[in-house]
Amino acid sequence: MTNIPPGPEQVAFFATGGLAGLSVLPIELYSTLAAQTRPASLLPFLRSHALIQVPRAGFRFWTFDIARNQLNAIQPSRRSQLRTTLTGGLSGFCGGLAEVTYQSLAFQRRLPALSALANQSCKLFFCFGTYTGLSTRLSEELPPRPFWRFWLMGSVAGGVGSGIVGAVEGARGRTLLRATGKGALSIGTVIAVQVTSCAQVLRPRSLDS
């Protein structure tokens, strides 16, 4: 591969991706408790989230950054809104493949099921593609400001991706509405936290260079 991001950038994307995974803990906790008919111990949930979801989000954004750099290296002089949106979507697709593969190999000791790969990678294709299209079209600076406006863009993207994949899988009515709402909350938060924190981490480095 060519145009590999420098080491500090890769570390920043992985670390801030993990931070973003941690930031949705309250959303995931509420969703888990709401689905249960009786109270359950929080310790297994917290352990699972810390060991699986946090590094999983790190792998997602680390792979996203590598894929984005590779795609941007292909005919870099030819840029358009459609190409920028597709680059974001395809990079998200790669991130989805990476995070599902990580979880399956690390905790189940086997290759992931094709259905799991297709579900997450397609969801992130629509989520990251929608976010990239919105942020580059509606904002003159990246990451967009103020934060609430940025979060709304990510939430719209999360709702779009979750809604499309949920509908394709057969979800309807309240089930589809819940999946769309949860996707909007969680993915919007993940995108906003990761991009904002990563920009803060990399900004001093870019100013010094």
N, C-alpha and C. Protein backbone atom coordinates (compact mmCIF):
# COMPACT_ATOMS: atom_id res chain seq x y z
N MET A 1 0.84 -1.19 0.00
CA MET A 1 0.00 0.00 0.00
C MET A 1 0.88 1.25 0.00
N THR A 2 0.35 2.31 -0.57
CA THR A 2 1.05 3.58 -0.58
C THR A 2 0.27 4.59 0.26
N ASN A 3 0.94 5.71 0.54
CA ASN A 3 0.29 6.79 1.27
C ASN A 3 -0.24 6.34 2.63
N ILE A 4 0.57 5.55 3.34
CA ILE A 4 0.19 5.12 4.69
C ILE A 4 0.30 6.31 5.64
N PRO A 5 -0.69 6.55 6.49
CA PRO A 5 -0.60 7.66 7.45
C PRO A 5 0.59 7.47 8.39
N PRO A 6 1.21 8.55 8.84
CA PRO A 6 2.32 8.43 9.80
C PRO A 6 1.87 7.79 11.10
N GLY A 7 2.83 7.21 11.82
CA GLY A 7 2.52 6.50 13.05
C GLY A 7 1.72 7.30 14.06
N PRO A 8 2.11 8.55 14.37
CA PRO A 8 1.35 9.33 15.35
C PRO A 8 -0.11 9.52 14.95
N GLU A 9 -0.36 9.68 13.66
CA GLU A 9 -1.74 9.84 13.21
C GLU A 9 -2.53 8.56 13.41
N GLN A 10 -1.90 7.41 13.13
CA GLN A 10 -2.58 6.13 13.33
C GLN A 10 -2.90 5.91 14.81
N VAL A 11 -1.94 6.23 15.66
CA VAL A 11 -2.18 6.10 17.11
C VAL A 11 -3.32 7.01 17.55
N ALA A 12 -3.33 8.24 17.02
CA ALA A 12 -4.37 9.20 17.40
C ALA A 12 -5.75 8.70 16.99
N PHE A 13 -5.86 8.15 15.79
CA PHE A 13 -7.16 7.66 15.33
C PHE A 13 -7.63 6.46 16.16
N PHE A 14 -6.70 5.57 16.49
CA PHE A 14 -7.09 4.41 17.29
C PHE A 14 -7.50 4.84 18.70
N ALA A 15 -6.70 5.71 19.32
CA ALA A 15 -6.97 6.12 20.70
C ALA A 15 -8.27 6.92 20.81
N THR A 16 -8.47 7.87 19.90
CA THR A 16 -9.69 8.67 19.96
C THR A 16 -10.91 7.86 19.52
N GLY A 17 -10.69 6.84 18.70
CA GLY A 17 -11.78 5.92 18.39
C GLY A 17 -12.22 5.15 19.63
N GLY A 18 -11.24 4.70 20.42
CA GLY A 18 -11.57 4.04 21.68
C GLY A 18 -12.29 4.97 22.63
N LEU A 19 -11.86 6.23 22.68
CA LEU A 19 -12.54 7.22 23.52
C LEU A 19 -13.99 7.40 23.06
N ALA A 20 -14.19 7.42 21.76
CA ALA A 20 -15.54 7.55 21.23
C ALA A 20 -16.39 6.34 21.59
N GLY A 21 -15.78 5.15 21.55
CA GLY A 21 -16.50 3.96 21.97
C GLY A 21 -16.92 4.02 23.43
N LEU A 22 -16.06 4.59 24.26
CA LEU A 22 -16.38 4.75 25.67
C LEU A 22 -17.49 5.77 25.89
N SER A 23 -17.56 6.77 25.02
CA SER A 23 -18.53 7.86 25.21
C SER A 23 -19.98 7.41 25.06
N VAL A 24 -20.21 6.30 24.37
CA VAL A 24 -21.59 5.85 24.17
C VAL A 24 -22.01 4.85 25.25
N LEU A 25 -21.20 4.68 26.28
CA LEU A 25 -21.54 3.77 27.37
C LEU A 25 -22.92 4.06 27.97
N PRO A 26 -23.28 5.32 28.28
CA PRO A 26 -24.61 5.57 28.84
C PRO A 26 -25.74 5.16 27.89
N ILE A 27 -25.56 5.38 26.59
CA ILE A 27 -26.59 5.01 25.62
C ILE A 27 -26.76 3.50 25.57
N GLU A 28 -25.64 2.78 25.52
CA GLU A 28 -25.70 1.32 25.46
C GLU A 28 -26.26 0.75 26.76
N LEU A 29 -25.91 1.36 27.88
CA LEU A 29 -26.41 0.88 29.17
C LEU A 29 -27.92 1.06 29.26
N TYR A 30 -28.41 2.22 28.87
CA TYR A 30 -29.85 2.46 28.90
C TYR A 30 -30.58 1.49 27.98
N SER A 31 -30.02 1.28 26.78
CA SER A 31 -30.65 0.36 25.83
C SER A 31 -30.71 -1.06 26.38
N THR A 32 -29.64 -1.48 27.05
CA THR A 32 -29.59 -2.83 27.62
C THR A 32 -30.59 -2.98 28.75
N LEU A 33 -30.63 -2.00 29.65
CA LEU A 33 -31.55 -2.07 30.79
C LEU A 33 -33.01 -2.00 30.34
N ALA A 34 -33.28 -1.20 29.32
CA ALA A 34 -34.66 -1.05 28.83
C ALA A 34 -35.17 -2.34 28.20
N ALA A 35 -34.26 -3.15 27.67
CA ALA A 35 -34.67 -4.39 27.01
C ALA A 35 -34.83 -5.55 27.98
N GLN A 36 -34.43 -5.37 29.24
CA GLN A 36 -34.50 -6.46 30.21
C GLN A 36 -35.73 -6.32 31.10
N THR A 37 -36.30 -7.44 31.45
CA THR A 37 -37.50 -7.43 32.30
C THR A 37 -37.15 -7.38 33.78
N ARG A 38 -35.91 -7.69 34.12
CA ARG A 38 -35.50 -7.64 35.52
C ARG A 38 -34.09 -7.07 35.62
N PRO A 39 -33.77 -6.42 36.72
CA PRO A 39 -32.44 -5.82 36.86
C PRO A 39 -31.34 -6.87 36.75
N ALA A 40 -30.25 -6.48 36.13
CA ALA A 40 -29.10 -7.37 35.97
C ALA A 40 -27.86 -6.68 36.51
N SER A 41 -26.84 -7.49 36.80
CA SER A 41 -25.59 -6.93 37.30
C SER A 41 -24.93 -6.07 36.23
N LEU A 42 -24.40 -4.94 36.66
CA LEU A 42 -23.76 -4.04 35.72
C LEU A 42 -22.33 -4.46 35.39
N LEU A 43 -21.72 -5.27 36.25
CA LEU A 43 -20.32 -5.61 36.06
C LEU A 43 -20.06 -6.34 34.74
N PRO A 44 -20.85 -7.37 34.39
CA PRO A 44 -20.61 -8.02 33.09
C PRO A 44 -20.75 -7.07 31.92
N PHE A 45 -21.73 -6.17 32.00
CA PHE A 45 -21.92 -5.21 30.92
C PHE A 45 -20.72 -4.29 30.79
N LEU A 46 -20.26 -3.74 31.93
CA LEU A 46 -19.12 -2.83 31.90
C LEU A 46 -17.86 -3.53 31.41
N ARG A 47 -17.67 -4.77 31.85
CA ARG A 47 -16.49 -5.52 31.41
C ARG A 47 -16.55 -5.77 29.90
N SER A 48 -17.72 -6.17 29.43
CA SER A 48 -17.88 -6.44 28.00
C SER A 48 -17.64 -5.18 27.18
N HIS A 49 -18.19 -4.06 27.64
CA HIS A 49 -18.04 -2.82 26.89
C HIS A 49 -16.59 -2.38 26.85
N ALA A 50 -15.90 -2.50 27.98
CA ALA A 50 -14.51 -2.06 28.04
C ALA A 50 -13.59 -2.94 27.20
N LEU A 51 -13.83 -4.25 27.21
CA LEU A 51 -12.94 -5.18 26.53
C LEU A 51 -13.26 -5.34 25.05
N ILE A 52 -14.52 -5.10 24.68
CA ILE A 52 -14.92 -5.35 23.30
C ILE A 52 -15.21 -4.05 22.55
N GLN A 53 -16.14 -3.25 23.05
CA GLN A 53 -16.62 -2.11 22.27
C GLN A 53 -15.59 -0.99 22.15
N VAL A 54 -14.83 -0.75 23.21
CA VAL A 54 -13.85 0.35 23.15
C VAL A 54 -12.75 0.06 22.13
N PRO A 55 -12.04 -1.08 22.20
CA PRO A 55 -11.04 -1.35 21.16
C PRO A 55 -11.67 -1.57 19.79
N ARG A 56 -12.89 -2.06 19.76
CA ARG A 56 -13.56 -2.24 18.47
C ARG A 56 -13.73 -0.90 17.76
N ALA A 57 -14.14 0.11 18.50
CA ALA A 57 -14.25 1.45 17.91
C ALA A 57 -12.89 1.98 17.49
N GLY A 58 -11.85 1.64 18.26
CA GLY A 58 -10.51 2.04 17.87
C GLY A 58 -10.11 1.44 16.53
N PHE A 59 -10.36 0.15 16.34
CA PHE A 59 -10.06 -0.50 15.06
C PHE A 59 -10.88 0.12 13.93
N ARG A 60 -12.11 0.49 14.23
CA ARG A 60 -12.97 1.09 13.20
C ARG A 60 -12.35 2.36 12.64
N PHE A 61 -11.96 3.28 13.51
CA PHE A 61 -11.46 4.56 13.03
C PHE A 61 -10.02 4.47 12.54
N TRP A 62 -9.23 3.58 13.10
CA TRP A 62 -7.87 3.36 12.61
C TRP A 62 -7.91 2.88 11.16
N THR A 63 -8.76 1.89 10.89
CA THR A 63 -8.89 1.37 9.53
C THR A 63 -9.52 2.40 8.61
N PHE A 64 -10.47 3.15 9.11
CA PHE A 64 -11.10 4.23 8.33
C PHE A 64 -10.04 5.20 7.83
N ASP A 65 -9.13 5.61 8.70
CA ASP A 65 -8.11 6.59 8.32
C ASP A 65 -7.18 6.02 7.25
N ILE A 66 -6.75 4.76 7.43
CA ILE A 66 -5.87 4.14 6.44
C ILE A 66 -6.57 4.02 5.09
N ALA A 67 -7.81 3.55 5.10
CA ALA A 67 -8.56 3.41 3.84
C ALA A 67 -8.79 4.76 3.17
N ARG A 68 -9.10 5.77 3.95
CA ARG A 68 -9.33 7.10 3.39
C ARG A 68 -8.08 7.63 2.71
N ASN A 69 -6.92 7.45 3.35
CA ASN A 69 -5.67 7.90 2.75
C ASN A 69 -5.38 7.16 1.45
N GLN A 70 -5.66 5.86 1.43
CA GLN A 70 -5.44 5.09 0.21
C GLN A 70 -6.36 5.56 -0.92
N LEU A 71 -7.61 5.80 -0.61
CA LEU A 71 -8.56 6.23 -1.63
C LEU A 71 -8.26 7.64 -2.12
N ASN A 72 -7.82 8.51 -1.21
CA ASN A 72 -7.48 9.88 -1.62
C ASN A 72 -6.24 9.93 -2.50
N ALA A 73 -5.40 8.89 -2.42
CA ALA A 73 -4.19 8.86 -3.24
C ALA A 73 -4.48 8.50 -4.69
N ILE A 74 -5.68 8.02 -4.97
CA ILE A 74 -6.06 7.66 -6.34
C ILE A 74 -6.57 8.90 -7.06
N GLN A 75 -5.82 9.36 -8.06
CA GLN A 75 -6.16 10.56 -8.81
C GLN A 75 -6.55 11.71 -7.88
N PRO A 76 -5.60 12.18 -7.06
CA PRO A 76 -5.93 13.21 -6.06
C PRO A 76 -6.38 14.53 -6.66
N SER A 77 -6.05 14.78 -7.93
CA SER A 77 -6.43 16.06 -8.54
C SER A 77 -7.91 16.10 -8.93
N ARG A 78 -8.52 14.94 -9.01
CA ARG A 78 -9.93 14.88 -9.42
C ARG A 78 -10.81 14.72 -8.18
N ARG A 79 -11.33 15.84 -7.71
CA ARG A 79 -12.17 15.83 -6.52
C ARG A 79 -13.56 16.35 -6.86
N SER A 80 -14.56 15.76 -6.29
CA SER A 80 -15.94 16.21 -6.45
C SER A 80 -16.69 15.85 -5.18
N GLN A 81 -17.88 16.42 -5.03
CA GLN A 81 -18.68 16.11 -3.86
C GLN A 81 -19.05 14.64 -3.81
N LEU A 82 -19.38 14.08 -4.97
CA LEU A 82 -19.73 12.66 -5.03
C LEU A 82 -18.54 11.79 -4.64
N ARG A 83 -17.37 12.13 -5.16
CA ARG A 83 -16.19 11.33 -4.84
C ARG A 83 -15.85 11.44 -3.35
N THR A 84 -15.95 12.63 -2.80
CA THR A 84 -15.66 12.81 -1.38
C THR A 84 -16.63 11.99 -0.52
N THR A 85 -17.90 12.01 -0.89
CA THR A 85 -18.90 11.24 -0.16
C THR A 85 -18.64 9.74 -0.26
N LEU A 86 -18.32 9.27 -1.47
CA LEU A 86 -18.03 7.85 -1.66
C LEU A 86 -16.77 7.43 -0.91
N THR A 87 -15.78 8.32 -0.87
CA THR A 87 -14.56 8.01 -0.12
C THR A 87 -14.88 7.81 1.36
N GLY A 88 -15.70 8.69 1.92
CA GLY A 88 -16.11 8.53 3.31
C GLY A 88 -16.89 7.24 3.52
N GLY A 89 -17.80 6.93 2.59
CA GLY A 89 -18.59 5.71 2.72
C GLY A 89 -17.75 4.45 2.61
N LEU A 90 -16.86 4.39 1.63
CA LEU A 90 -16.02 3.21 1.46
C LEU A 90 -15.03 3.05 2.62
N SER A 91 -14.54 4.16 3.14
CA SER A 91 -13.65 4.09 4.31
C SER A 91 -14.40 3.56 5.52
N GLY A 92 -15.65 4.01 5.70
CA GLY A 92 -16.47 3.47 6.77
C GLY A 92 -16.76 1.99 6.58
N PHE A 93 -16.98 1.58 5.33
CA PHE A 93 -17.19 0.17 5.01
C PHE A 93 -16.00 -0.67 5.47
N CYS A 94 -14.79 -0.19 5.17
CA CYS A 94 -13.57 -0.91 5.60
C CYS A 94 -13.47 -0.95 7.12
N GLY A 95 -13.83 0.17 7.77
CA GLY A 95 -13.81 0.18 9.23
C GLY A 95 -14.76 -0.83 9.83
N GLY A 96 -15.93 -0.99 9.22
CA GLY A 96 -16.88 -1.99 9.69
C GLY A 96 -16.35 -3.41 9.56
N LEU A 97 -15.70 -3.70 8.44
CA LEU A 97 -15.09 -5.01 8.27
C LEU A 97 -14.04 -5.28 9.34
N ALA A 98 -13.22 -4.26 9.62
CA ALA A 98 -12.12 -4.42 10.57
C ALA A 98 -12.63 -4.67 11.99
N GLU A 99 -13.62 -3.90 12.42
CA GLU A 99 -14.06 -4.04 13.82
C GLU A 99 -14.78 -5.37 14.07
N VAL A 100 -15.57 -5.82 13.10
CA VAL A 100 -16.25 -7.11 13.26
C VAL A 100 -15.24 -8.25 13.24
N THR A 101 -14.24 -8.15 12.36
CA THR A 101 -13.21 -9.19 12.29
C THR A 101 -12.41 -9.24 13.59
N TYR A 102 -12.07 -8.07 14.13
CA TYR A 102 -11.34 -8.03 15.40
C TYR A 102 -12.12 -8.74 16.50
N GLN A 103 -13.39 -8.40 16.65
CA GLN A 103 -14.18 -8.99 17.74
C GLN A 103 -14.30 -10.49 17.58
N SER A 104 -14.52 -10.95 16.36
CA SER A 104 -14.70 -12.39 16.14
C SER A 104 -13.41 -13.16 16.39
N LEU A 105 -12.28 -12.65 15.90
CA LEU A 105 -11.01 -13.36 16.08
C LEU A 105 -10.54 -13.31 17.53
N ALA A 106 -10.72 -12.15 18.18
CA ALA A 106 -10.19 -11.98 19.53
C ALA A 106 -11.02 -12.69 20.59
N PHE A 107 -12.34 -12.77 20.41
CA PHE A 107 -13.19 -13.28 21.47
C PHE A 107 -13.93 -14.56 21.12
N GLN A 108 -14.02 -14.88 19.84
CA GLN A 108 -14.70 -16.11 19.44
C GLN A 108 -13.77 -17.09 18.76
N ARG A 109 -12.55 -16.64 18.47
CA ARG A 109 -11.52 -17.49 17.88
C ARG A 109 -11.96 -18.12 16.55
N ARG A 110 -12.65 -17.35 15.77
CA ARG A 110 -13.06 -17.83 14.45
C ARG A 110 -13.33 -16.63 13.55
N LEU A 111 -13.39 -16.89 12.25
CA LEU A 111 -13.71 -15.83 11.31
C LEU A 111 -15.16 -15.38 11.50
N PRO A 112 -15.44 -14.11 11.27
CA PRO A 112 -16.80 -13.63 11.47
C PRO A 112 -17.75 -14.17 10.41
N ALA A 113 -19.02 -14.22 10.76
CA ALA A 113 -20.05 -14.62 9.80
C ALA A 113 -20.22 -13.54 8.74
N LEU A 114 -20.52 -13.95 7.53
CA LEU A 114 -20.70 -12.99 6.45
C LEU A 114 -21.85 -12.02 6.75
N SER A 115 -22.87 -12.51 7.42
CA SER A 115 -24.01 -11.64 7.75
C SER A 115 -23.59 -10.52 8.69
N ALA A 116 -22.73 -10.83 9.67
CA ALA A 116 -22.25 -9.81 10.60
C ALA A 116 -21.37 -8.79 9.88
N LEU A 117 -20.51 -9.28 8.99
CA LEU A 117 -19.66 -8.38 8.20
C LEU A 117 -20.51 -7.46 7.32
N ALA A 118 -21.49 -8.04 6.65
CA ALA A 118 -22.33 -7.26 5.75
C ALA A 118 -23.15 -6.23 6.51
N ASN A 119 -23.70 -6.61 7.65
CA ASN A 119 -24.53 -5.71 8.43
C ASN A 119 -23.77 -4.47 8.85
N GLN A 120 -22.63 -4.66 9.52
CA GLN A 120 -21.90 -3.52 10.06
C GLN A 120 -21.22 -2.70 8.98
N SER A 121 -20.62 -3.37 8.00
CA SER A 121 -19.91 -2.62 6.96
C SER A 121 -20.86 -1.80 6.11
N CYS A 122 -22.03 -2.35 5.78
CA CYS A 122 -23.01 -1.60 5.00
C CYS A 122 -23.59 -0.44 5.81
N LYS A 123 -23.83 -0.70 7.10
CA LYS A 123 -24.33 0.38 7.96
C LYS A 123 -23.34 1.54 8.00
N LEU A 124 -22.06 1.23 8.18
CA LEU A 124 -21.06 2.29 8.26
C LEU A 124 -20.79 2.93 6.91
N PHE A 125 -21.02 2.21 5.82
CA PHE A 125 -20.92 2.83 4.50
C PHE A 125 -21.91 3.98 4.40
N PHE A 126 -23.15 3.73 4.76
CA PHE A 126 -24.17 4.78 4.69
C PHE A 126 -23.94 5.86 5.75
N CYS A 127 -23.53 5.46 6.96
CA CYS A 127 -23.31 6.43 8.03
C CYS A 127 -22.18 7.39 7.70
N PHE A 128 -21.01 6.84 7.37
CA PHE A 128 -19.85 7.68 7.12
C PHE A 128 -19.97 8.42 5.79
N GLY A 129 -20.62 7.79 4.82
CA GLY A 129 -20.85 8.50 3.56
C GLY A 129 -21.77 9.68 3.75
N THR A 130 -22.86 9.48 4.50
CA THR A 130 -23.79 10.58 4.77
C THR A 130 -23.13 11.68 5.57
N TYR A 131 -22.38 11.30 6.62
CA TYR A 131 -21.71 12.32 7.42
C TYR A 131 -20.71 13.11 6.58
N THR A 132 -19.91 12.42 5.78
CA THR A 132 -18.91 13.10 4.96
C THR A 132 -19.57 14.07 3.99
N GLY A 133 -20.66 13.62 3.36
CA GLY A 133 -21.36 14.49 2.44
C GLY A 133 -21.94 15.72 3.13
N LEU A 134 -22.56 15.53 4.29
CA LEU A 134 -23.15 16.65 5.02
C LEU A 134 -22.10 17.63 5.52
N SER A 135 -21.03 17.10 6.12
CA SER A 135 -20.03 17.98 6.73
C SER A 135 -19.27 18.78 5.69
N THR A 136 -18.97 18.19 4.55
CA THR A 136 -18.22 18.92 3.52
C THR A 136 -19.10 19.89 2.75
N ARG A 137 -20.39 19.62 2.70
CA ARG A 137 -21.29 20.51 1.97
C ARG A 137 -21.82 21.65 2.85
N LEU A 138 -22.07 21.36 4.11
CA LEU A 138 -22.73 22.35 4.97
C LEU A 138 -21.78 23.13 5.86
N SER A 139 -20.51 22.78 5.88
CA SER A 139 -19.57 23.47 6.76
C SER A 139 -18.32 23.87 5.98
N GLU A 140 -17.80 25.06 6.29
CA GLU A 140 -16.59 25.54 5.63
C GLU A 140 -15.33 25.10 6.37
N GLU A 141 -15.48 24.54 7.56
CA GLU A 141 -14.33 24.05 8.33
C GLU A 141 -14.62 22.66 8.86
N LEU A 142 -13.56 21.88 9.02
CA LEU A 142 -13.66 20.53 9.55
C LEU A 142 -12.75 20.39 10.75
N PRO A 143 -13.23 19.87 11.88
CA PRO A 143 -14.63 19.47 12.08
C PRO A 143 -15.57 20.66 12.16
N PRO A 144 -16.83 20.45 11.80
CA PRO A 144 -17.80 21.55 11.83
C PRO A 144 -17.97 22.12 13.24
N ARG A 145 -18.30 23.37 13.32
CA ARG A 145 -18.58 24.03 14.60
C ARG A 145 -19.91 24.76 14.48
N PRO A 146 -20.61 24.97 15.59
CA PRO A 146 -20.34 24.49 16.95
C PRO A 146 -20.58 22.99 17.09
N PHE A 147 -20.28 22.46 18.27
CA PHE A 147 -20.33 21.02 18.48
C PHE A 147 -21.73 20.45 18.27
N TRP A 148 -22.76 21.16 18.73
CA TRP A 148 -24.12 20.63 18.60
C TRP A 148 -24.51 20.47 17.14
N ARG A 149 -24.04 21.39 16.29
CA ARG A 149 -24.33 21.28 14.85
C ARG A 149 -23.61 20.08 14.26
N PHE A 150 -22.39 19.87 14.70
CA PHE A 150 -21.60 18.73 14.27
C PHE A 150 -22.27 17.43 14.71
N TRP A 151 -22.73 17.41 15.97
CA TRP A 151 -23.39 16.21 16.49
C TRP A 151 -24.66 15.90 15.71
N LEU A 152 -25.41 16.93 15.32
CA LEU A 152 -26.62 16.71 14.55
C LEU A 152 -26.32 16.08 13.19
N MET A 153 -25.22 16.50 12.56
CA MET A 153 -24.82 15.89 11.29
C MET A 153 -24.52 14.40 11.48
N GLY A 154 -23.77 14.10 12.55
CA GLY A 154 -23.47 12.70 12.83
C GLY A 154 -24.71 11.90 13.17
N SER A 155 -25.66 12.53 13.86
CA SER A 155 -26.89 11.83 14.23
C SER A 155 -27.75 11.53 13.00
N VAL A 156 -27.83 12.49 12.10
CA VAL A 156 -28.56 12.24 10.85
C VAL A 156 -27.91 11.07 10.10
N ALA A 157 -26.58 11.08 10.05
CA ALA A 157 -25.85 10.00 9.37
C ALA A 157 -26.10 8.66 10.05
N GLY A 158 -26.07 8.65 11.38
CA GLY A 158 -26.32 7.41 12.11
C GLY A 158 -27.73 6.89 11.90
N GLY A 159 -28.70 7.80 11.88
CA GLY A 159 -30.07 7.39 11.64
C GLY A 159 -30.27 6.86 10.23
N VAL A 160 -29.63 7.49 9.25
CA VAL A 160 -29.74 7.03 7.86
C VAL A 160 -29.18 5.62 7.71
N GLY A 161 -27.96 5.41 8.20
CA GLY A 161 -27.33 4.10 8.06
C GLY A 161 -28.08 3.01 8.79
N SER A 162 -28.46 3.29 10.03
CA SER A 162 -29.18 2.28 10.83
C SER A 162 -30.56 2.00 10.26
N GLY A 163 -31.23 3.06 9.78
CA GLY A 163 -32.56 2.88 9.21
C GLY A 163 -32.55 2.07 7.93
N ILE A 164 -31.59 2.35 7.05
CA ILE A 164 -31.52 1.62 5.78
C ILE A 164 -31.23 0.15 6.02
N VAL A 165 -30.21 -0.13 6.83
CA VAL A 165 -29.84 -1.52 7.09
C VAL A 165 -30.97 -2.25 7.83
N GLY A 166 -31.59 -1.57 8.80
CA GLY A 166 -32.70 -2.19 9.52
C GLY A 166 -33.86 -2.53 8.60
N ALA A 167 -34.19 -1.62 7.68
CA ALA A 167 -35.29 -1.86 6.75
C ALA A 167 -34.97 -3.02 5.81
N VAL A 168 -33.72 -3.07 5.33
CA VAL A 168 -33.32 -4.16 4.44
C VAL A 168 -33.41 -5.51 5.16
N GLU A 169 -33.12 -5.51 6.46
CA GLU A 169 -33.17 -6.75 7.23
C GLU A 169 -34.59 -7.13 7.64
N GLY A 170 -35.55 -6.28 7.33
CA GLY A 170 -36.94 -6.64 7.59
C GLY A 170 -37.58 -5.95 8.78
N ALA A 171 -36.87 -5.04 9.44
CA ALA A 171 -37.45 -4.33 10.58
C ALA A 171 -38.53 -3.36 10.09
N ARG A 172 -39.61 -3.27 10.82
CA ARG A 172 -40.70 -2.39 10.45
C ARG A 172 -41.29 -1.76 11.71
N GLY A 173 -42.02 -0.68 11.53
CA GLY A 173 -42.75 -0.05 12.62
C GLY A 173 -41.86 0.41 13.77
N ARG A 174 -42.28 0.07 14.99
CA ARG A 174 -41.55 0.52 16.16
C ARG A 174 -40.14 -0.06 16.23
N THR A 175 -39.98 -1.29 15.75
CA THR A 175 -38.65 -1.90 15.77
C THR A 175 -37.69 -1.10 14.91
N LEU A 176 -38.13 -0.70 13.73
CA LEU A 176 -37.29 0.10 12.85
C LEU A 176 -37.05 1.49 13.44
N LEU A 177 -38.08 2.05 14.06
CA LEU A 177 -37.94 3.37 14.67
C LEU A 177 -36.93 3.34 15.81
N ARG A 178 -36.97 2.29 16.64
CA ARG A 178 -36.01 2.18 17.74
C ARG A 178 -34.59 2.01 17.21
N ALA A 179 -34.43 1.18 16.19
CA ALA A 179 -33.10 0.97 15.62
C ALA A 179 -32.55 2.26 15.02
N THR A 180 -33.41 3.01 14.36
CA THR A 180 -32.99 4.28 13.76
C THR A 180 -32.63 5.29 14.84
N GLY A 181 -33.45 5.38 15.88
CA GLY A 181 -33.17 6.32 16.96
C GLY A 181 -31.90 5.99 17.71
N LYS A 182 -31.70 4.71 18.02
CA LYS A 182 -30.48 4.32 18.71
C LYS A 182 -29.25 4.58 17.84
N GLY A 183 -29.36 4.28 16.55
CA GLY A 183 -28.24 4.55 15.64
C GLY A 183 -27.92 6.02 15.57
N ALA A 184 -28.96 6.86 15.55
CA ALA A 184 -28.73 8.31 15.51
C ALA A 184 -28.00 8.78 16.76
N LEU A 185 -28.44 8.31 17.93
CA LEU A 185 -27.80 8.73 19.18
C LEU A 185 -26.37 8.22 19.30
N SER A 186 -26.19 6.92 19.10
CA SER A 186 -24.88 6.32 19.35
C SER A 186 -23.86 6.69 18.28
N ILE A 187 -24.23 6.56 17.02
CA ILE A 187 -23.26 6.86 15.96
C ILE A 187 -23.00 8.35 15.86
N GLY A 188 -24.02 9.17 16.09
CA GLY A 188 -23.79 10.61 16.12
C GLY A 188 -22.81 11.00 17.20
N THR A 189 -22.95 10.39 18.38
CA THR A 189 -22.02 10.68 19.48
C THR A 189 -20.62 10.17 19.17
N VAL A 190 -20.53 8.96 18.63
CA VAL A 190 -19.22 8.38 18.31
C VAL A 190 -18.47 9.24 17.30
N ILE A 191 -19.15 9.62 16.22
CA ILE A 191 -18.49 10.43 15.19
C ILE A 191 -18.07 11.78 15.75
N ALA A 192 -18.97 12.43 16.47
CA ALA A 192 -18.65 13.76 16.99
C ALA A 192 -17.49 13.73 17.97
N VAL A 193 -17.48 12.76 18.88
CA VAL A 193 -16.41 12.67 19.88
C VAL A 193 -15.09 12.32 19.21
N GLN A 194 -15.09 11.34 18.31
CA GLN A 194 -13.82 10.92 17.69
C GLN A 194 -13.23 12.03 16.83
N VAL A 195 -14.01 12.61 15.96
CA VAL A 195 -13.47 13.61 15.05
C VAL A 195 -12.99 14.85 15.81
N THR A 196 -13.78 15.29 16.79
CA THR A 196 -13.39 16.47 17.56
C THR A 196 -12.12 16.22 18.37
N SER A 197 -12.06 15.10 19.08
CA SER A 197 -10.89 14.81 19.91
C SER A 197 -9.66 14.54 19.05
N CYS A 198 -9.83 13.87 17.92
CA CYS A 198 -8.69 13.58 17.05
C CYS A 198 -8.15 14.88 16.45
N ALA A 199 -9.04 15.80 16.09
CA ALA A 199 -8.58 17.08 15.56
C ALA A 199 -7.78 17.84 16.61
N GLN A 200 -8.19 17.76 17.87
CA GLN A 200 -7.45 18.43 18.94
C GLN A 200 -6.09 17.79 19.15
N VAL A 201 -6.01 16.47 19.04
CA VAL A 201 -4.74 15.77 19.23
C VAL A 201 -3.76 16.10 18.10
N LEU A 202 -4.26 16.14 16.88
CA LEU A 202 -3.38 16.33 15.72
C LEU A 202 -3.11 17.80 15.41
N ARG A 203 -3.91 18.72 15.95
CA ARG A 203 -3.73 20.12 15.62
C ARG A 203 -2.36 20.66 16.01
N PRO A 204 -1.84 20.44 17.24
CA PRO A 204 -0.50 20.95 17.57
C PRO A 204 0.57 20.42 16.63
N ARG A 205 0.43 19.17 16.24
CA ARG A 205 1.41 18.57 15.34
C ARG A 205 1.38 19.25 13.97
N SER A 206 0.17 19.55 13.47
CA SER A 206 0.07 20.18 12.16
C SER A 206 0.57 21.62 12.20
N LEU A 207 0.39 22.27 13.35
CA LEU A 207 0.86 23.64 13.46
C LEU A 207 2.37 23.71 13.56
N ASP A 208 2.98 22.69 14.17
CA ASP A 208 4.42 22.69 14.33
C ASP A 208 5.15 22.32 13.05
N SER A 209 4.48 21.63 12.14
CA SER A 209 5.16 21.15 10.94
C SER A 209 5.27 22.25 9.90
